PDB file of N, CA and C in Angstrom:
ATOM      1  N   MET A   1      97.389  85.937  85.106  1.00  0.00           N
ATOM      2  CA  MET A   1      97.553  87.321  84.436  1.00  0.00           C
ATOM      3  C   MET A   1      96.334  88.070  85.021  1.00  0.00           C
ATOM      4  N   SER A   2      96.548  89.410  85.098  1.00  0.00           N
ATOM      5  CA  SER A   2      95.592  90.245  85.687  1.00  0.00           C
ATOM      6  C   SER A   2      94.612  90.742  84.599  1.00  0.00           C
ATOM      7  N   ASP A   3      93.313  91.244  84.977  1.00  0.00           N
ATOM      8  CA  ASP A   3      92.311  91.537  84.013  1.00  0.00           C
ATOM      9  C   ASP A   3      92.828  93.017  83.661  1.00  0.00           C
ATOM     10  N   SER A   4      93.357  93.120  82.472  1.00  0.00           N
ATOM     11  CA  SER A   4      93.888  94.306  82.049  1.00  0.00           C
ATOM     12  C   SER A   4      92.845  95.286  81.406  1.00  0.00           C
ATOM     13  N   SER A   5      91.382  94.747  81.448  1.00  0.00           N
ATOM     14  CA  SER A   5      90.303  95.575  80.944  1.00  0.00           C
ATOM     15  C   SER A   5      89.753  96.522  82.207  1.00  0.00           C
ATOM     16  N   ARG A   6      90.372  96.144  83.457  1.00  0.00           N
ATOM     17  CA  ARG A   6      89.835  97.026  84.474  1.00  0.00           C
ATOM     18  C   ARG A   6      90.965  98.080  84.892  1.00  0.00           C
ATOM     19  N   SER A   7      90.529  99.214  85.113  1.00  0.00           N
ATOM     20  CA  SER A   7      91.305 100.403  85.351  1.00  0.00           C
ATOM     21  C   SER A   7      91.860 100.326  86.774  1.00  0.00           C
ATOM     22  N   PRO A   8      92.954 100.974  86.894  1.00  0.00           N
ATOM     23  CA  PRO A   8      93.546 101.086  88.312  1.00  0.00           C
ATOM     24  C   PRO A   8      92.411 101.790  89.343  1.00  0.00           C
ATOM     25  N   ARG A   9      91.602 102.650  88.730  1.00  0.00           N
ATOM     26  CA  ARG A   9      90.617 103.300  89.603  1.00  0.00           C
ATOM     27  C   ARG A   9      89.677 102.203  90.020  1.00  0.00           C
ATOM     28  N   GLU A  10      89.222 101.260  89.095  1.00  0.00           N
ATOM     29  CA  GLU A  10      88.238 100.455  89.476  1.00  0.00           C
ATOM     30  C   GLU A  10      88.680  99.272  90.356  1.00  0.00           C
ATOM     31  N   VAL A  11      90.068  98.931  90.191  1.00  0.00           N
ATOM     32  CA  VAL A  11      90.733  98.112  91.177  1.00  0.00           C
ATOM     33  C   VAL A  11      90.799  98.527  92.428  1.00  0.00           C
ATOM     34  N   ILE A  12      91.263  99.632  92.786  1.00  0.00           N
ATOM     35  CA  ILE A  12      91.323 100.467  94.029  1.00  0.00           C
ATOM     36  C   ILE A  12      90.114 100.581  94.627  1.00  0.00           C
ATOM     37  N   ALA A  13      88.890 100.727  93.761  1.00  0.00           N
ATOM     38  CA  ALA A  13      87.525 100.894  94.398  1.00  0.00           C
ATOM     39  C   ALA A  13      87.255  99.460  94.979  1.00  0.00           C
ATOM     40  N   GLU A  14      87.443  98.613  94.132  1.00  0.00           N
ATOM     41  CA  GLU A  14      87.104  97.238  94.650  1.00  0.00           C
ATOM     42  C   GLU A  14      87.838  96.812  96.045  1.00  0.00           C
ATOM     43  N   VAL A  15      89.164  97.134  95.842  1.00  0.00           N
ATOM     44  CA  VAL A  15      89.849  96.790  96.969  1.00  0.00           C
ATOM     45  C   VAL A  15      89.202  97.450  98.436  1.00  0.00           C
ATOM     46  N   MET A  16      88.774  98.602  97.959  1.00  0.00           N
ATOM     47  CA  MET A  16      88.232  99.356  99.193  1.00  0.00           C
ATOM     48  C   MET A  16      86.710  98.853  99.815  1.00  0.00           C
ATOM     49  N   ALA A  17      86.423  98.078  98.728  1.00  0.00           N
ATOM     50  CA  ALA A  17      84.767  97.604  99.034  1.00  0.00           C
ATOM     51  C   ALA A  17      84.554  96.837 100.463  1.00  0.00           C
ATOM     52  N   PRO A  18      85.652  96.215 100.869  1.00  0.00           N
ATOM     53  CA  PRO A  18      85.343  95.452 102.300  1.00  0.00           C
ATOM     54  C   PRO A  18      85.090  96.623 103.395  1.00  0.00           C
ATOM     55  N   ALA A  19      85.693  97.637 103.193  1.00  0.00           N
ATOM     56  CA  ALA A  19      85.765  98.754 104.249  1.00  0.00           C
ATOM     57  C   ALA A  19      84.466  99.564 104.032  1.00  0.00           C
ATOM     58  N   VAL A  20      83.711  99.333 103.047  1.00  0.00           N
ATOM     59  CA  VAL A  20      82.419 100.219 102.651  1.00  0.00           C
ATOM     60  C   VAL A  20      81.254  99.383 102.551  1.00  0.00           C
ATOM     61  N   HIS A  21      80.250 100.025 102.439  1.00  0.00           N
ATOM     62  CA  HIS A  21      78.953  99.301 102.186  1.00  0.00           C
ATOM     63  C   HIS A  21      78.378  99.310 100.812  1.00  0.00           C
ATOM     64  N   ASN A  22      78.697 100.247 100.104  1.00  0.00           N
ATOM     65  CA  ASN A  22      78.356 100.424  98.568  1.00  0.00           C
ATOM     66  C   ASN A  22      79.433 100.840  97.810  1.00  0.00           C
ATOM     67  N   TRP A  23      80.363 100.073  97.367  1.00  0.00           N
ATOM     68  CA  TRP A  23      81.575 100.327  96.671  1.00  0.00           C
ATOM     69  C   TRP A  23      81.205 101.016  95.207  1.00  0.00           C
ATOM     70  N   ASN A  24      80.079 100.674  94.700  1.00  0.00           N
ATOM     71  CA  ASN A  24      79.642 101.508  93.396  1.00  0.00           C
ATOM     72  C   ASN A  24      79.413 102.734  93.507  1.00  0.00           C
ATOM     73  N   SER A  25      79.142 103.307  94.759  1.00  0.00           N
ATOM     74  CA  SER A  25      78.822 104.721  94.907  1.00  0.00           C
ATOM     75  C   SER A  25      79.973 105.663  94.255  1.00  0.00           C
ATOM     76  N   PRO A  26      79.572 106.625  93.584  1.00  0.00           N
ATOM     77  CA  PRO A  26      80.649 107.685  93.036  1.00  0.00           C
ATOM     78  C   PRO A  26      81.352 108.211  94.107  1.00  0.00           C
ATOM     79  N   HIS A  27      80.899 108.399  95.376  1.00  0.00           N
ATOM     80  CA  HIS A  27      81.936 108.852  96.513  1.00  0.00           C
ATOM     81  C   HIS A  27      83.245 107.982  96.558  1.00  0.00           C
ATOM     82  N   TYR A  28      82.995 106.556  96.354  1.00  0.00           N
ATOM     83  CA  TYR A  28      84.111 105.796  96.577  1.00  0.00           C
ATOM     84  C   TYR A  28      84.985 105.713  95.359  1.00  0.00           C
ATOM     85  N   LEU A  29      84.534 105.902  94.155  1.00  0.00           N
ATOM     86  CA  LEU A  29      85.393 106.121  92.891  1.00  0.00           C
ATOM     87  C   LEU A  29      86.199 107.459  92.970  1.00  0.00           C
ATOM     88  N   ASP A  30      85.405 108.431  93.526  1.00  0.00           N
ATOM     89  CA  ASP A  30      86.168 109.715  93.884  1.00  0.00           C
ATOM     90  C   ASP A  30      87.453 109.518  94.670  1.00  0.00           C
ATOM     91  N   SER A  31      87.192 108.667  95.856  1.00  0.00           N
ATOM     92  CA  SER A  31      88.238 108.283  96.793  1.00  0.00           C
ATOM     93  C   SER A  31      89.200 107.541  95.771  1.00  0.00           C
ATOM     94  N   ALA A  32      89.078 106.859  95.130  1.00  0.00           N
ATOM     95  CA  ALA A  32      90.112 105.796  94.246  1.00  0.00           C
ATOM     96  C   ALA A  32      90.847 106.964  93.384  1.00  0.00           C
ATOM     97  N   ASP A  33      90.226 107.850  92.651  1.00  0.00           N
ATOM     98  CA  ASP A  33      90.783 108.895  91.981  1.00  0.00           C
ATOM     99  C   ASP A  33      91.698 109.882  92.975  1.00  0.00           C
ATOM    100  N   ALA A  34      91.418 110.058  93.970  1.00  0.00           N
ATOM    101  CA  ALA A  34      92.309 110.846  94.993  1.00  0.00           C
ATOM    102  C   ALA A  34      93.431 109.846  95.282  1.00  0.00           C
ATOM    103  N   VAL A  35      93.373 108.722  95.468  1.00  0.00           N
ATOM    104  CA  VAL A  35      94.459 107.728  95.768  1.00  0.00           C
ATOM    105  C   VAL A  35      95.523 107.909  94.533  1.00  0.00           C
ATOM    106  N   LEU A  36      94.958 107.695  93.237  1.00  0.00           N
ATOM    107  CA  LEU A  36      95.458 107.611  92.361  1.00  0.00           C
ATOM    108  C   LEU A  36      96.488 108.913  92.009  1.00  0.00           C
ATOM    109  N   GLU A  37      95.778 109.964  92.319  1.00  0.00           N
ATOM    110  CA  GLU A  37      96.340 111.438  92.055  1.00  0.00           C
ATOM    111  C   GLU A  37      97.392 111.542  93.097  1.00  0.00           C
ATOM    112  N   ALA A  38      97.192 111.255  94.269  1.00  0.00           N
ATOM    113  CA  ALA A  38      98.344 111.237  95.249  1.00  0.00           C
ATOM    114  C   ALA A  38      99.414 110.429  94.705  1.00  0.00           C
ATOM    115  N   LEU A  39      99.336 109.388  94.272  1.00  0.00           N
ATOM    116  CA  LEU A  39     100.452 108.401  93.933  1.00  0.00           C
ATOM    117  C   LEU A  39     101.052 109.001  92.889  1.00  0.00           C
ATOM    118  N   ARG A  40     100.527 109.701  91.865  1.00  0.00           N
ATOM    119  CA  ARG A  40     100.959 110.236  90.758  1.00  0.00           C
ATOM    120  C   ARG A  40     101.762 111.386  91.179  1.00  0.00           C
ATOM    121  N   SER A  41     101.245 112.276  92.081  1.00  0.00           N
ATOM    122  CA  SER A  41     102.191 113.459  92.486  1.00  0.00           C
ATOM    123  C   SER A  41     103.182 113.151  93.186  1.00  0.00           C
ATOM    124  N   ASN A  42     103.418 111.917  93.786  1.00  0.00           N
ATOM    125  CA  ASN A  42     104.549 111.563  94.509  1.00  0.00           C
ATOM    126  C   ASN A  42     105.348 110.706  93.629  1.00  0.00           C
ATOM    127  N   GLY A  43     105.140 110.497  92.386  1.00  0.00           N
ATOM    128  CA  GLY A  43     106.006 109.826  91.417  1.00  0.00           C
ATOM    129  C   GLY A  43     105.863 108.413  91.403  1.00  0.00           C
ATOM    130  N   PHE A  44     104.645 107.776  91.685  1.00  0.00           N
ATOM    131  CA  PHE A  44     104.384 106.712  91.484  1.00  0.00           C
ATOM    132  C   PHE A  44     103.217 106.266  90.477  1.00  0.00           C
ATOM    133  N   VAL A  45     103.177 105.111  90.078  1.00  0.00           N
ATOM    134  CA  VAL A  45     102.074 104.690  89.192  1.00  0.00           C
ATOM    135  C   VAL A  45     101.515 103.533  89.722  1.00  0.00           C
ATOM    136  N   VAL A  46     100.394 103.162  89.125  1.00  0.00           N
ATOM    137  CA  VAL A  46      99.958 101.709  89.522  1.00  0.00           C
ATOM    138  C   VAL A  46      99.925 101.056  88.248  1.00  0.00           C
ATOM    139  N   VAL A  47     100.646  99.787  88.296  1.00  0.00           N
ATOM    140  CA  VAL A  47     100.769  99.106  87.307  1.00  0.00           C
ATOM    141  C   VAL A  47     100.452  97.501  87.516  1.00  0.00           C
ATOM    142  N   PRO A  48     100.002  96.800  86.431  1.00  0.00           N
ATOM    143  CA  PRO A  48      99.841  95.396  86.772  1.00  0.00           C
ATOM    144  C   PRO A  48     101.000  94.489  86.988  1.00  0.00           C
ATOM    145  N   ARG A  49     100.787  93.601  87.686  1.00  0.00           N
ATOM    146  CA  ARG A  49     101.879  92.654  88.238  1.00  0.00           C
ATOM    147  C   ARG A  49     102.420  92.122  87.067  1.00  0.00           C
ATOM    148  N   GLU A  50     101.663  91.528  86.208  1.00  0.00           N
ATOM    149  CA  GLU A  50     102.039  90.884  84.934  1.00  0.00           C
ATOM    150  C   GLU A  50     101.830  91.936  83.958  1.00  0.00           C
ATOM    151  N   PRO A  51     102.764  91.970  82.936  1.00  0.00           N
ATOM    152  CA  PRO A  51     102.743  93.184  81.841  1.00  0.00           C
ATOM    153  C   PRO A  51     101.647  92.723  80.963  1.00  0.00           C
ATOM    154  N   THR A  52     100.847  93.663  80.471  1.00  0.00           N
ATOM    155  CA  THR A  52      99.710  93.307  79.523  1.00  0.00           C
ATOM    156  C   THR A  52     100.529  92.992  78.057  1.00  0.00           C
ATOM    157  N   GLU A  53      99.707  92.473  77.119  1.00  0.00           N
ATOM    158  CA  GLU A  53     100.224  92.387  75.761  1.00  0.00           C
ATOM    159  C   GLU A  53     100.669  93.569  75.187  1.00  0.00           C
ATOM    160  N   ALA A  54      99.974  94.815  75.512  1.00  0.00           N
ATOM    161  CA  ALA A  54     100.213  96.166  75.040  1.00  0.00           C
ATOM    162  C   ALA A  54     101.609  96.612  75.443  1.00  0.00           C
ATOM    163  N   MET A  55     101.747  96.167  76.814  1.00  0.00           N
ATOM    164  CA  MET A  55     103.084  96.516  77.324  1.00  0.00           C
ATOM    165  C   MET A  55     104.337  95.839  76.713  1.00  0.00           C
ATOM    166  N   VAL A  56     104.078  94.487  76.521  1.00  0.00           N
ATOM    167  CA  VAL A  56     105.184  93.792  75.997  1.00  0.00           C
ATOM    168  C   VAL A  56     105.094  94.040  74.442  1.00  0.00           C
ATOM    169  N   ASP A  57     104.156  94.412  73.675  1.00  0.00           N
ATOM    170  CA  ASP A  57     104.370  95.036  72.250  1.00  0.00           C
ATOM    171  C   ASP A  57     105.199  96.372  72.355  1.00  0.00           C
ATOM    172  N   ALA A  58     104.871  97.243  73.079  1.00  0.00           N
ATOM    173  CA  ALA A  58     105.600  98.505  73.121  1.00  0.00           C
ATOM    174  C   ALA A  58     106.976  98.241  73.456  1.00  0.00           C
ATOM    175  N   ALA A  59     107.328  97.259  74.364  1.00  0.00           N
ATOM    176  CA  ALA A  59     108.893  97.262  74.633  1.00  0.00           C
ATOM    177  C   ALA A  59     109.529  96.465  73.535  1.00  0.00           C
ATOM    178  N   ASP A  60     108.691  95.683  72.724  1.00  0.00           N
ATOM    179  CA  ASP A  60     109.300  94.816  71.705  1.00  0.00           C
ATOM    180  C   ASP A  60     109.489  95.736  70.548  1.00  0.00           C
ATOM    181  N   CYS A  61     108.510  96.736  70.413  1.00  0.00           N
ATOM    182  CA  CYS A  61     108.596  97.586  69.338  1.00  0.00           C
ATOM    183  C   CYS A  61     109.881  98.567  69.350  1.00  0.00           C
ATOM    184  N   ILE A  62     109.960  99.023  70.512  1.00  0.00           N
ATOM    185  CA  ILE A  62     111.208  99.995  70.736  1.00  0.00           C
ATOM    186  C   ILE A  62     112.631  99.143  70.676  1.00  0.00           C
ATOM    187  N   GLY A  63     112.539  97.943  70.737  1.00  0.00           N
ATOM    188  CA  GLY A  63     113.764  97.286  70.433  1.00  0.00           C
ATOM    189  C   GLY A  63     114.385  97.110  71.730  1.00  0.00           C
ATOM    190  N   TYR A  64     113.872  96.751  72.810  1.00  0.00           N
ATOM    191  CA  TYR A  64     114.380  96.588  74.040  1.00  0.00           C
ATOM    192  C   TYR A  64     115.502  95.604  73.971  1.00  0.00           C
ATOM    193  N   HIS A  65     116.679  95.732  74.471  1.00  0.00           N
ATOM    194  CA  HIS A  65     117.733  94.905  74.232  1.00  0.00           C
ATOM    195  C   HIS A  65     118.431  94.468  75.504  1.00  0.00           C
ATOM    196  N   VAL A  66     119.022  93.345  75.763  1.00  0.00           N
ATOM    197  CA  VAL A  66     120.010  93.100  76.803  1.00  0.00           C
ATOM    198  C   VAL A  66     121.305  93.516  76.680  1.00  0.00           C
ATOM    199  N   THR A  67     122.181  93.634  77.420  1.00  0.00           N
ATOM    200  CA  THR A  67     123.504  94.097  77.467  1.00  0.00           C
ATOM    201  C   THR A  67     124.181  93.470  76.265  1.00  0.00           C
ATOM    202  N   CYS A  68     124.047  92.274  75.978  1.00  0.00           N
ATOM    203  CA  CYS A  68     124.804  91.742  74.832  1.00  0.00           C
ATOM    204  C   CYS A  68     124.512  92.131  73.458  1.00  0.00           C
ATOM    205  N   GLY A  69     123.173  92.898  73.482  1.00  0.00           N
ATOM    206  CA  GLY A  69     122.776  93.318  72.134  1.00  0.00           C
ATOM    207  C   GLY A  69     121.525  92.552  71.531  1.00  0.00           C
ATOM    208  N   ARG A  70     121.423  91.484  71.974  1.00  0.00           N
ATOM    209  CA  ARG A  70     120.337  90.528  71.372  1.00  0.00           C
ATOM    210  C   ARG A  70     119.000  91.292  71.829  1.00  0.00           C
ATOM    211  N   ARG A  71     117.729  90.898  71.115  1.00  0.00           N
ATOM    212  CA  ARG A  71     116.666  91.474  71.687  1.00  0.00           C
ATOM    213  C   ARG A  71     116.003  90.483  72.532  1.00  0.00           C
ATOM    214  N   PHE A  72     115.248  90.783  73.813  1.00  0.00           N
ATOM    215  CA  PHE A  72     114.680  90.198  74.447  1.00  0.00           C
ATOM    216  C   PHE A  72     113.537  89.307  73.814  1.00  0.00           C
ATOM    217  N   THR A  73     113.268  88.078  74.167  1.00  0.00           N
ATOM    218  CA  THR A  73     112.089  87.360  73.739  1.00  0.00           C
ATOM    219  C   THR A  73     110.752  88.033  74.436  1.00  0.00           C
ATOM    220  N   ARG A  74     109.638  87.693  74.025  1.00  0.00           N
ATOM    221  CA  ARG A  74     108.401  88.224  74.681  1.00  0.00           C
ATOM    222  C   ARG A  74     108.484  87.642  76.110  1.00  0.00           C
ATOM    223  N   SER A  75     108.780  86.121  76.253  1.00  0.00           N
ATOM    224  CA  SER A  75     108.794  85.843  77.661  1.00  0.00           C
ATOM    225  C   SER A  75     109.849  86.300  78.577  1.00  0.00           C
ATOM    226  N   GLU A  76     111.059  86.674  77.864  1.00  0.00           N
ATOM    227  CA  GLU A  76     112.043  87.299  78.841  1.00  0.00           C
ATOM    228  C   GLU A  76     111.582  88.655  79.288  1.00  0.00           C
ATOM    229  N   LEU A  77     110.958  89.256  78.166  1.00  0.00           N
ATOM    230  CA  LEU A  77     110.162  90.815  78.525  1.00  0.00           C
ATOM    231  C   LEU A  77     109.307  90.684  79.843  1.00  0.00           C
ATOM    232  N   ARG A  78     108.661  89.547  79.770  1.00  0.00           N
ATOM    233  CA  ARG A  78     107.575  89.381  81.022  1.00  0.00           C
ATOM    234  C   ARG A  78     108.390  88.996  82.211  1.00  0.00           C
ATOM    235  N   ARG A  79     109.537  88.125  82.065  1.00  0.00           N
ATOM    236  CA  ARG A  79     110.132  87.759  83.314  1.00  0.00           C
ATOM    237  C   ARG A  79     110.946  88.965  83.849  1.00  0.00           C
ATOM    238  N   GLU A  80     111.518  89.782  82.965  1.00  0.00           N
ATOM    239  CA  GLU A  80     112.369  91.098  83.373  1.00  0.00           C
ATOM    240  C   GLU A  80     111.312  92.064  84.248  1.00  0.00           C
ATOM    241  N   TRP A  81     110.087  92.094  83.623  1.00  0.00           N
ATOM    242  CA  TRP A  81     109.205  93.060  84.329  1.00  0.00           C
ATOM    243  C   TRP A  81     108.766  92.536  85.639  1.00  0.00           C
ATOM    244  N   SER A  82     108.468  91.224  85.720  1.00  0.00           N
ATOM    245  CA  SER A  82     108.165  90.549  87.096  1.00  0.00           C
ATOM    246  C   SER A  82     109.381  90.579  87.971  1.00  0.00           C
ATOM    247  N   GLU A  83     110.539  90.509  87.614  1.00  0.00           N
ATOM    248  CA  GLU A  83     111.864  90.621  88.577  1.00  0.00           C
ATOM    249  C   GLU A  83     111.979  92.048  88.935  1.00  0.00           C
ATOM    250  N   MET A  84     111.680  93.130  88.138  1.00  0.00           N
ATOM    251  CA  MET A  84     111.844  94.566  88.352  1.00  0.00           C
ATOM    252  C   MET A  84     110.940  94.678  89.729  1.00  0.00           C
ATOM    253  N   LEU A  85     109.533  94.294  89.348  1.00  0.00           N
ATOM    254  CA  LEU A  85     108.746  94.449  90.450  1.00  0.00           C
ATOM    255  C   LEU A  85     108.980  93.759  91.780  1.00  0.00           C
ATOM    256  N   SER A  86     109.592  92.715  91.660  1.00  0.00           N
ATOM    257  CA  SER A  86     109.941  91.805  92.871  1.00  0.00           C
ATOM    258  C   SER A  86     111.044  92.577  93.510  1.00  0.00           C
ATOM    259  N   VAL A  87     111.956  93.161  92.987  1.00  0.00           N
ATOM    260  CA  VAL A  87     112.930  93.776  93.773  1.00  0.00           C
ATOM    261  C   VAL A  87     112.426  95.199  94.176  1.00  0.00           C
ATOM    262  N   TRP A  88     111.387  95.626  93.439  1.00  0.00           N
ATOM    263  CA  TRP A  88     110.878  96.842  94.138  1.00  0.00           C
ATOM    264  C   TRP A  88     110.164  96.730  95.203  1.00  0.00           C
ATOM    265  N   GLU A  89     109.423  95.643  95.371  1.00  0.00           N
ATOM    266  CA  GLU A  89     108.477  95.128  96.696  1.00  0.00           C
ATOM    267  C   GLU A  89     109.486  94.984  97.606  1.00  0.00           C
ATOM    268  N   CYS A  90     110.433  94.107  97.273  1.00  0.00           N
ATOM    269  CA  CYS A  90     111.550  93.937  98.493  1.00  0.00           C
ATOM    270  C   CYS A  90     112.060  94.975  98.983  1.00  0.00           C
ATOM    271  N   LEU A  91     112.589  95.983  98.068  1.00  0.00           N
ATOM    272  CA  LEU A  91     113.195  97.053  98.756  1.00  0.00           C
ATOM    273  C   LEU A  91     112.221  98.198  99.536  1.00  0.00           C
ATOM    274  N   SER A  92     110.981  98.042  98.990  1.00  0.00           N
ATOM    275  CA  SER A  92     109.910  98.951  99.572  1.00  0.00           C
ATOM    276  C   SER A  92     109.618  98.514 101.001  1.00  0.00           C
ATOM    277  N   THR A  93     109.704  97.232 101.212  1.00  0.00           N
ATOM    278  CA  THR A  93     109.318  96.561 102.627  1.00  0.00           C
ATOM    279  C   THR A  93     110.699  96.417 103.439  1.00  0.00           C
ATOM    280  N   ASN A  94     111.709  96.196 102.789  1.00  0.00           N
ATOM    281  CA  ASN A  94     113.008  96.323 103.522  1.00  0.00           C
ATOM    282  C   ASN A  94     114.095  97.411 103.046  1.00  0.00           C
ATOM    283  N   PRO A  95     113.837  98.599 103.293  1.00  0.00           N
ATOM    284  CA  PRO A  95     114.803  99.921 102.950  1.00  0.00           C
ATOM    285  C   PRO A  95     116.149  99.442 103.171  1.00  0.00           C
ATOM    286  N   ASP A  96     116.581  98.858 104.109  1.00  0.00           N
ATOM    287  CA  ASP A  96     117.878  98.696 104.598  1.00  0.00           C
ATOM    288  C   ASP A  96     118.639  97.722 103.686  1.00  0.00           C
ATOM    289  N   ARG A  97     117.915  97.033 102.710  1.00  0.00           N
ATOM    290  CA  ARG A  97     118.555  96.102 101.631  1.00  0.00           C
ATOM    291  C   ARG A  97     118.816  96.936 100.263  1.00  0.00           C
ATOM    292  N   GLU A  98     118.474  98.123 100.159  1.00  0.00           N
ATOM    293  CA  GLU A  98     118.939  98.767  98.897  1.00  0.00           C
ATOM    294  C   GLU A  98     120.348  98.779  98.870  1.00  0.00           C
ATOM    295  N   GLY A  99     120.846  98.579  97.614  1.00  0.00           N
ATOM    296  CA  GLY A  99     122.215  98.599  97.040  1.00  0.00           C
ATOM    297  C   GLY A  99     122.758  97.024  97.313  1.00  0.00           C
ATOM    298  N   GLU A 100     122.131  96.197  97.702  1.00  0.00           N
ATOM    299  CA  GLU A 100     122.606  94.852  97.573  1.00  0.00           C
ATOM    300  C   GLU A 100     122.605  94.219  96.334  1.00  0.00           C
TER     301      GLU A 100
END
């Protein structure tokens, strides 16, 4: 499970660290902000690979249902999230597979 206490900005700055000498510099945090804004303005967001407890709580709270009408269990919500991300990753690296 990812550390949900870290913001996408902090994660991006840390991932950029190998390419820079002092990743704590405000300049590199500004770069992370620019990356996040570029993603947002193009319809993307940065999300954790594993849903946080707050995300699962929100999905459960709104009564997220499967087709048959029964509620997902919390473990099913987590699995669905992971499967959706896996499909997105597959399609984003293999665009010719869309529609399969």
